[in-house]
């Protein structure tokens, strides 16, 4: 998927909660990977969803809810 295709896509959590629309894609150019999806701003800071929480991308972006992430057992 091209980075430009993410812009304006709606983001929803696994709890069916609307989070926002993608306004920015945070990239690590050295590694060539996405780090996060920015959906809002608070002053100078961009509010992002970590890219490793993305579960699916189609017509919407589905991300793991924070509540579900806290309940997952540790993988140590």
PDB file of N, CA and C in Angstrom:
ATOM      1  N   UNK A   1       0.842  -1.176   0.000  1.00  0.00           N
ATOM      2  CA  UNK A   1       0.000   0.000   0.000  1.00  0.00           C
ATOM      3  C   UNK A   1       0.887   1.239   0.000  1.00  0.00           C
ATOM      4  N   UNK A   2       0.533   2.220  -0.789  1.00  0.00           N
ATOM      5  CA  UNK A   2       1.277   3.474  -0.838  1.00  0.00           C
ATOM      6  C   UNK A   2       0.935   4.342   0.366  1.00  0.00           C
ATOM      7  N   UNK A   3       1.916   5.093   0.849  1.00  0.00           N
ATOM      8  CA  UNK A   3       1.698   5.985   1.987  1.00  0.00           C
ATOM      9  C   UNK A   3       0.551   6.957   1.695  1.00  0.00           C
ATOM     10  N   UNK A   4       0.489   7.463   0.487  1.00  0.00           N
ATOM     11  CA  UNK A   4      -0.551   8.441   0.137  1.00  0.00           C
ATOM     12  C   UNK A   4      -1.963   7.876   0.257  1.00  0.00           C
ATOM     13  N   UNK A   5      -2.109   6.568   0.189  1.00  0.00           N
ATOM     14  CA  UNK A   5      -3.441   5.949   0.295  1.00  0.00           C
ATOM     15  C   UNK A   5      -3.987   5.965   1.725  1.00  0.00           C
ATOM     16  N   UNK A   6      -3.138   6.161   2.709  1.00  0.00           N
ATOM     17  CA  UNK A   6      -3.576   6.213   4.106  1.00  0.00           C
ATOM     18  C   UNK A   6      -4.300   7.517   4.452  1.00  0.00           C
ATOM     19  N   UNK A   7      -3.941   8.598   3.769  1.00  0.00           N
ATOM     20  CA  UNK A   7      -4.491   9.910   4.127  1.00  0.00           C
ATOM     21  C   UNK A   7      -6.011   9.939   4.013  1.00  0.00           C
ATOM     22  N   UNK A   8      -6.645  10.498   5.046  1.00  0.00           N
ATOM     23  CA  UNK A   8      -8.099  10.648   5.169  1.00  0.00           C
ATOM     24  C   UNK A   8      -8.843   9.337   5.410  1.00  0.00           C
ATOM     25  N   UNK A   9      -8.112   8.225   5.606  1.00  0.00           N
ATOM     26  CA  UNK A   9      -8.793   6.971   5.938  1.00  0.00           C
ATOM     27  C   UNK A   9      -9.255   7.028   7.391  1.00  0.00           C
ATOM     28  N   UNK A  10     -10.488   6.576   7.673  1.00  0.00           N
ATOM     29  CA  UNK A  10     -10.960   6.562   9.053  1.00  0.00           C
ATOM     30  C   UNK A  10     -10.288   5.450   9.859  1.00  0.00           C
ATOM     31  N   UNK A  11     -10.003   5.764  11.117  1.00  0.00           N
ATOM     32  CA  UNK A  11      -9.385   4.807  12.039  1.00  0.00           C
ATOM     33  C   UNK A  11     -10.425   4.424  13.094  1.00  0.00           C
ATOM     34  N   UNK A  12     -10.622   3.118  13.293  1.00  0.00           N
ATOM     35  CA  UNK A  12     -11.537   2.598  14.309  1.00  0.00           C
ATOM     36  C   UNK A  12     -10.797   1.608  15.190  1.00  0.00           C
ATOM     37  N   UNK A  13     -11.196   1.554  16.460  1.00  0.00           N
ATOM     38  CA  UNK A  13     -10.611   0.581  17.386  1.00  0.00           C
ATOM     39  C   UNK A  13     -11.409  -0.717  17.332  1.00  0.00           C
ATOM     40  N   UNK A  14     -10.860  -1.755  17.952  1.00  0.00           N
ATOM     41  CA  UNK A  14     -11.559  -3.036  18.021  1.00  0.00           C
ATOM     42  C   UNK A  14     -12.807  -2.948  18.895  1.00  0.00           C
ATOM     43  N   UNK A  15     -12.969  -1.857  19.605  1.00  0.00           N
ATOM     44  CA  UNK A  15     -14.185  -1.603  20.392  1.00  0.00           C
ATOM     45  C   UNK A  15     -15.219  -0.839  19.576  1.00  0.00           C
ATOM     46  N   UNK A  16     -14.998  -0.744  18.250  1.00  0.00           N
ATOM     47  CA  UNK A  16     -15.889  -0.037  17.322  1.00  0.00           C
ATOM     48  C   UNK A  16     -15.971   1.454  17.636  1.00  0.00           C
ATOM     49  N   UNK A  17     -14.907   1.996  18.166  1.00  0.00           N
ATOM     50  CA  UNK A  17     -14.855   3.425  18.488  1.00  0.00           C
ATOM     51  C   UNK A  17     -14.095   4.176  17.401  1.00  0.00           C
ATOM     52  N   UNK A  18     -14.692   5.244  16.905  1.00  0.00           N
ATOM     53  CA  UNK A  18     -14.054   6.083  15.904  1.00  0.00           C
ATOM     54  C   UNK A  18     -12.935   6.865  16.560  1.00  0.00           C
ATOM     55  N   UNK A  19     -11.748   6.802  15.987  1.00  0.00           N
ATOM     56  CA  UNK A  19     -10.591   7.497  16.545  1.00  0.00           C
ATOM     57  C   UNK A  19     -10.306   8.784  15.787  1.00  0.00           C
ATOM     58  N   UNK A  20     -10.386   8.753  14.475  1.00  0.00           N
ATOM     59  CA  UNK A  20     -10.125   9.930  13.658  1.00  0.00           C
ATOM     60  C   UNK A  20      -9.734   9.526  12.250  1.00  0.00           C
ATOM     61  N   UNK A  21      -9.361  10.512  11.457  1.00  0.00           N
ATOM     62  CA  UNK A  21      -8.882  10.261  10.092  1.00  0.00           C
ATOM     63  C   UNK A  21      -7.388  10.488  10.034  1.00  0.00           C
ATOM     64  N   UNK A  22      -6.711   9.688   9.243  1.00  0.00           N
ATOM     65  CA  UNK A  22      -5.264   9.806   9.106  1.00  0.00           C
ATOM     66  C   UNK A  22      -4.913  11.150   8.461  1.00  0.00           C
ATOM     67  N   UNK A  23      -4.095  11.909   9.163  1.00  0.00           N
ATOM     68  CA  UNK A  23      -3.616  13.185   8.656  1.00  0.00           C
ATOM     69  C   UNK A  23      -2.129  13.138   8.333  1.00  0.00           C
ATOM     70  N   UNK A  24      -1.407  12.246   9.023  1.00  0.00           N
ATOM     71  CA  UNK A  24       0.034  12.124   8.823  1.00  0.00           C
ATOM     72  C   UNK A  24       0.441  10.670   8.992  1.00  0.00           C
ATOM     73  N   UNK A  25       1.482  10.271   8.281  1.00  0.00           N
ATOM     74  CA  UNK A  25       2.070   8.946   8.444  1.00  0.00           C
ATOM     75  C   UNK A  25       3.494   9.163   8.927  1.00  0.00           C
ATOM     76  N   UNK A  26       3.820   8.591  10.081  1.00  0.00           N
ATOM     77  CA  UNK A  26       5.149   8.732  10.669  1.00  0.00           C
ATOM     78  C   UNK A  26       6.009   7.575  10.165  1.00  0.00           C
ATOM     79  N   UNK A  27       7.124   7.910   9.513  1.00  0.00           N
ATOM     80  CA  UNK A  27       7.988   6.902   8.903  1.00  0.00           C
ATOM     81  C   UNK A  27       9.375   6.906   9.512  1.00  0.00           C
ATOM     82  N   UNK A  28       9.990   5.740   9.533  1.00  0.00           N
ATOM     83  CA  UNK A  28      11.419   5.615   9.839  1.00  0.00           C
ATOM     84  C   UNK A  28      12.082   5.380   8.493  1.00  0.00           C
ATOM     85  N   UNK A  29      12.662   6.414   7.924  1.00  0.00           N
ATOM     86  CA  UNK A  29      13.232   6.321   6.586  1.00  0.00           C
ATOM     87  C   UNK A  29      14.459   5.410   6.536  1.00  0.00           C
ATOM     88  N   UNK A  30      15.202   5.324   7.645  1.00  0.00           N
ATOM     89  CA  UNK A  30      16.372   4.452   7.670  1.00  0.00           C
ATOM     90  C   UNK A  30      15.970   2.983   7.573  1.00  0.00           C
ATOM     91  N   UNK A  31      14.896   2.622   8.265  1.00  0.00           N
ATOM     92  CA  UNK A  31      14.428   1.230   8.265  1.00  0.00           C
ATOM     93  C   UNK A  31      13.397   0.962   7.172  1.00  0.00           C
ATOM     94  N   UNK A  32      12.828   2.025   6.617  1.00  0.00           N
ATOM     95  CA  UNK A  32      11.825   1.861   5.575  1.00  0.00           C
ATOM     96  C   UNK A  32      10.516   1.302   6.079  1.00  0.00           C
ATOM     97  N   UNK A  33      10.093   1.741   7.270  1.00  0.00           N
ATOM     98  CA  UNK A  33       8.846   1.233   7.837  1.00  0.00           C
ATOM     99  C   UNK A  33       8.028   2.347   8.476  1.00  0.00           C
ATOM    100  N   UNK A  34       6.728   2.085   8.583  1.00  0.00           N
ATOM    101  CA  UNK A  34       5.820   3.034   9.230  1.00  0.00           C
ATOM    102  C   UNK A  34       5.899   2.844  10.736  1.00  0.00           C
ATOM    103  N   UNK A  35       5.924   3.960  11.465  1.00  0.00           N
ATOM    104  CA  UNK A  35       5.949   3.912  12.924  1.00  0.00           C
ATOM    105  C   UNK A  35       4.608   4.250  13.537  1.00  0.00           C
ATOM    106  N   UNK A  36       3.832   5.084  12.853  1.00  0.00           N
ATOM    107  CA  UNK A  36       2.552   5.493  13.416  1.00  0.00           C
ATOM    108  C   UNK A  36       1.695   6.230  12.416  1.00  0.00           C
ATOM    109  N   UNK A  37       0.427   6.394  12.786  1.00  0.00           N
ATOM    110  CA  UNK A  37      -0.535   7.135  11.981  1.00  0.00           C
ATOM    111  C   UNK A  37      -1.023   8.317  12.796  1.00  0.00           C
ATOM    112  N   UNK A  38      -0.760   9.524  12.325  1.00  0.00           N
ATOM    113  CA  UNK A  38      -1.178  10.737  13.023  1.00  0.00           C
ATOM    114  C   UNK A  38      -2.601  11.100  12.644  1.00  0.00           C
ATOM    115  N   UNK A  39      -3.422  11.382  13.652  1.00  0.00           N
ATOM    116  CA  UNK A  39      -4.821  11.709  13.381  1.00  0.00           C
ATOM    117  C   UNK A  39      -5.270  13.012  14.011  1.00  0.00           C
ATOM    118  N   UNK A  40      -4.405  13.705  14.691  1.00  0.00           N
ATOM    119  CA  UNK A  40      -4.787  14.975  15.301  1.00  0.00           C
ATOM    120  C   UNK A  40      -3.578  15.683  15.869  1.00  0.00           C
ATOM    121  N   UNK A  41      -3.803  16.903  16.293  1.00  0.00           N
ATOM    122  CA  UNK A  41      -2.738  17.705  16.883  1.00  0.00           C
ATOM    123  C   UNK A  41      -3.220  18.326  18.190  1.00  0.00           C
ATOM    124  N   UNK A  42      -2.289  18.401  19.126  1.00  0.00           N
ATOM    125  CA  UNK A  42      -2.503  19.133  20.369  1.00  0.00           C
ATOM    126  C   UNK A  42      -1.339  20.088  20.478  1.00  0.00           C
ATOM    127  N   UNK A  43      -1.565  21.314  20.031  1.00  0.00           N
ATOM    128  CA  UNK A  43      -0.478  22.290  19.987  1.00  0.00           C
ATOM    129  C   UNK A  43       0.532  21.885  18.946  1.00  0.00           C
ATOM    130  N   UNK A  44       1.775  21.712  19.368  1.00  0.00           N
ATOM    131  CA  UNK A  44       2.850  21.315  18.454  1.00  0.00           C
ATOM    132  C   UNK A  44       2.964  19.801  18.292  1.00  0.00           C
ATOM    133  N   UNK A  45       2.282  19.030  19.144  1.00  0.00           N
ATOM    134  CA  UNK A  45       2.424  17.576  19.135  1.00  0.00           C
ATOM    135  C   UNK A  45       1.366  16.915  18.254  1.00  0.00           C
ATOM    136  N   UNK A  46       1.779  15.866  17.560  1.00  0.00           N
ATOM    137  CA  UNK A  46       0.878  15.073  16.721  1.00  0.00           C
ATOM    138  C   UNK A  46       0.379  13.892  17.551  1.00  0.00           C
ATOM    139  N   UNK A  47      -0.931  13.674  17.566  1.00  0.00           N
ATOM    140  CA  UNK A  47      -1.512  12.525  18.247  1.00  0.00           C
ATOM    141  C   UNK A  47      -1.463  11.355  17.274  1.00  0.00           C
ATOM    142  N   UNK A  48      -0.829  10.257  17.685  1.00  0.00           N
ATOM    143  CA  UNK A  48      -0.641   9.127  16.783  1.00  0.00           C
ATOM    144  C   UNK A  48      -1.122   7.807  17.376  1.00  0.00           C
ATOM    145  N   UNK A  49      -1.362   6.871  16.481  1.00  0.00           N
ATOM    146  CA  UNK A  49      -1.618   5.477  16.833  1.00  0.00           C
ATOM    147  C   UNK A  49      -0.365   4.719  16.399  1.00  0.00           C
ATOM    148  N   UNK A  50       0.259   3.934  17.278  1.00  0.00           N
ATOM    149  CA  UNK A  50       1.440   3.174  16.861  1.00  0.00           C
ATOM    150  C   UNK A  50       1.082   2.212  15.727  1.00  0.00           C
ATOM    151  N   UNK A  51       1.935   2.120  14.732  1.00  0.00           N
ATOM    152  CA  UNK A  51       1.615   1.279  13.582  1.00  0.00           C
ATOM    153  C   UNK A  51       1.560  -0.199  13.957  1.00  0.00           C
ATOM    154  N   UNK A  52       2.269  -0.605  15.004  1.00  0.00           N
ATOM    155  CA  UNK A  52       2.208  -2.017  15.396  1.00  0.00           C
ATOM    156  C   UNK A  52       0.862  -2.403  16.015  1.00  0.00           C
ATOM    157  N   UNK A  53      -0.012  -1.421  16.269  1.00  0.00           N
ATOM    158  CA  UNK A  53      -1.357  -1.738  16.763  1.00  0.00           C
ATOM    159  C   UNK A  53      -2.374  -1.869  15.625  1.00  0.00           C
ATOM    160  N   UNK A  54      -1.939  -1.629  14.377  1.00  0.00           N
ATOM    161  CA  UNK A  54      -2.831  -1.761  13.222  1.00  0.00           C
ATOM    162  C   UNK A  54      -3.081  -3.240  12.953  1.00  0.00           C
ATOM    163  N   UNK A  55      -4.354  -3.611  12.913  1.00  0.00           N
ATOM    164  CA  UNK A  55      -4.741  -5.005  12.670  1.00  0.00           C
ATOM    165  C   UNK A  55      -5.136  -5.256  11.225  1.00  0.00           C
ATOM    166  N   UNK A  56      -5.780  -4.274  10.590  1.00  0.00           N
ATOM    167  CA  UNK A  56      -6.259  -4.453   9.222  1.00  0.00           C
ATOM    168  C   UNK A  56      -6.422  -3.099   8.547  1.00  0.00           C
ATOM    169  N   UNK A  57      -6.218  -3.097   7.226  1.00  0.00           N
ATOM    170  CA  UNK A  57      -6.416  -1.900   6.414  1.00  0.00           C
ATOM    171  C   UNK A  57      -7.200  -2.314   5.172  1.00  0.00           C
ATOM    172  N   UNK A  58      -8.350  -1.709   4.994  1.00  0.00           N
ATOM    173  CA  UNK A  58      -9.156  -1.952   3.792  1.00  0.00           C
ATOM    174  C   UNK A  58      -9.882  -0.644   3.500  1.00  0.00           C
ATOM    175  N   UNK A  59     -11.191  -0.579   3.778  1.00  0.00           N
ATOM    176  CA  UNK A  59     -11.941   0.665   3.643  1.00  0.00           C
ATOM    177  C   UNK A  59     -11.736   1.556   4.858  1.00  0.00           C
ATOM    178  N   UNK A  60     -11.375   0.920   5.981  1.00  0.00           N
ATOM    179  CA  UNK A  60     -11.042   1.620   7.220  1.00  0.00           C
ATOM    180  C   UNK A  60      -9.744   1.030   7.749  1.00  0.00           C
ATOM    181  N   UNK A  61      -9.183   1.679   8.765  1.00  0.00           N
ATOM    182  CA  UNK A  61      -8.022   1.134   9.464  1.00  0.00           C
ATOM    183  C   UNK A  61      -8.515   0.664  10.824  1.00  0.00           C
ATOM    184  N   UNK A  62      -8.299  -0.608  11.104  1.00  0.00           N
ATOM    185  CA  UNK A  62      -8.718  -1.190  12.377  1.00  0.00           C
ATOM    186  C   UNK A  62      -7.499  -1.343  13.264  1.00  0.00           C
ATOM    187  N   UNK A  63      -7.569  -0.759  14.471  1.00  0.00           N
ATOM    188  CA  UNK A  63      -6.444  -0.830  15.403  1.00  0.00           C
ATOM    189  C   UNK A  63      -6.882  -1.493  16.699  1.00  0.00           C
ATOM    190  N   UNK A  64      -5.937  -2.146  17.332  1.00  0.00           N
ATOM    191  CA  UNK A  64      -6.176  -2.780  18.626  1.00  0.00           C
ATOM    192  C   UNK A  64      -6.489  -1.696  19.645  1.00  0.00           C
ATOM    193  N   UNK A  65      -7.558  -1.870  20.396  1.00  0.00           N
ATOM    194  CA  UNK A  65      -7.898  -0.867  21.411  1.00  0.00           C
ATOM    195  C   UNK A  65      -6.871  -0.910  22.534  1.00  0.00           C
ATOM    196  N   UNK A  66      -6.658   0.210  23.186  1.00  0.00           N
ATOM    197  CA  UNK A  66      -5.704   0.274  24.303  1.00  0.00           C
ATOM    198  C   UNK A  66      -6.134  -0.659  25.414  1.00  0.00           C
ATOM    199  N   UNK A  67      -7.426  -0.752  25.646  1.00  0.00           N
ATOM    200  CA  UNK A  67      -7.947  -1.605  26.702  1.00  0.00           C
ATOM    201  C   UNK A  67      -7.580  -3.067  26.435  1.00  0.00           C
ATOM    202  N   UNK A  68      -7.725  -3.512  25.204  1.00  0.00           N
ATOM    203  CA  UNK A  68      -7.380  -4.886  24.849  1.00  0.00           C
ATOM    204  C   UNK A  68      -5.882  -5.120  24.939  1.00  0.00           C
ATOM    205  N   UNK A  69      -5.068  -4.111  24.598  1.00  0.00           N
ATOM    206  CA  UNK A  69      -3.617  -4.246  24.676  1.00  0.00           C
ATOM    207  C   UNK A  69      -3.177  -4.458  26.118  1.00  0.00           C
ATOM    208  N   UNK A  70      -3.825  -3.791  27.049  1.00  0.00           N
ATOM    209  CA  UNK A  70      -3.460  -3.923  28.458  1.00  0.00           C
ATOM    210  C   UNK A  70      -3.806  -5.308  29.003  1.00  0.00           C
ATOM    211  N   UNK A  71      -4.826  -5.950  28.422  1.00  0.00           N
ATOM    212  CA  UNK A  71      -5.289  -7.252  28.923  1.00  0.00           C
ATOM    213  C   UNK A  71      -4.505  -8.422  28.341  1.00  0.00           C
ATOM    214  N   UNK A  72      -3.736  -8.199  27.268  1.00  0.00           N
ATOM    215  CA  UNK A  72      -2.967  -9.270  26.652  1.00  0.00           C
ATOM    216  C   UNK A  72      -1.861  -9.719  27.595  1.00  0.00           C
ATOM    217  N   UNK A  73      -1.651 -11.041  27.693  1.00  0.00           N
ATOM    218  CA  UNK A  73      -0.565 -11.525  28.554  1.00  0.00           C
ATOM    219  C   UNK A  73       0.801 -11.187  27.971  1.00  0.00           C
ATOM    220  N   UNK A  74       1.760 -11.031  28.821  1.00  0.00           N
ATOM    221  CA  UNK A  74       3.118 -10.710  28.407  1.00  0.00           C
ATOM    222  C   UNK A  74       3.700 -11.884  27.624  1.00  0.00           C
ATOM    223  N   UNK A  75       4.523 -11.591  26.605  1.00  0.00           N
ATOM    224  CA  UNK A  75       5.111 -12.637  25.764  1.00  0.00           C
ATOM    225  C   UNK A  75       6.568 -12.872  26.120  1.00  0.00           C
ATOM    226  N   UNK A  76       6.892 -12.906  27.372  1.00  0.00           N
ATOM    227  CA  UNK A  76       8.291 -13.106  27.793  1.00  0.00           C
ATOM    228  C   UNK A  76       8.564 -14.554  28.059  1.00  0.00           C
TER     229      UNK A  76
END
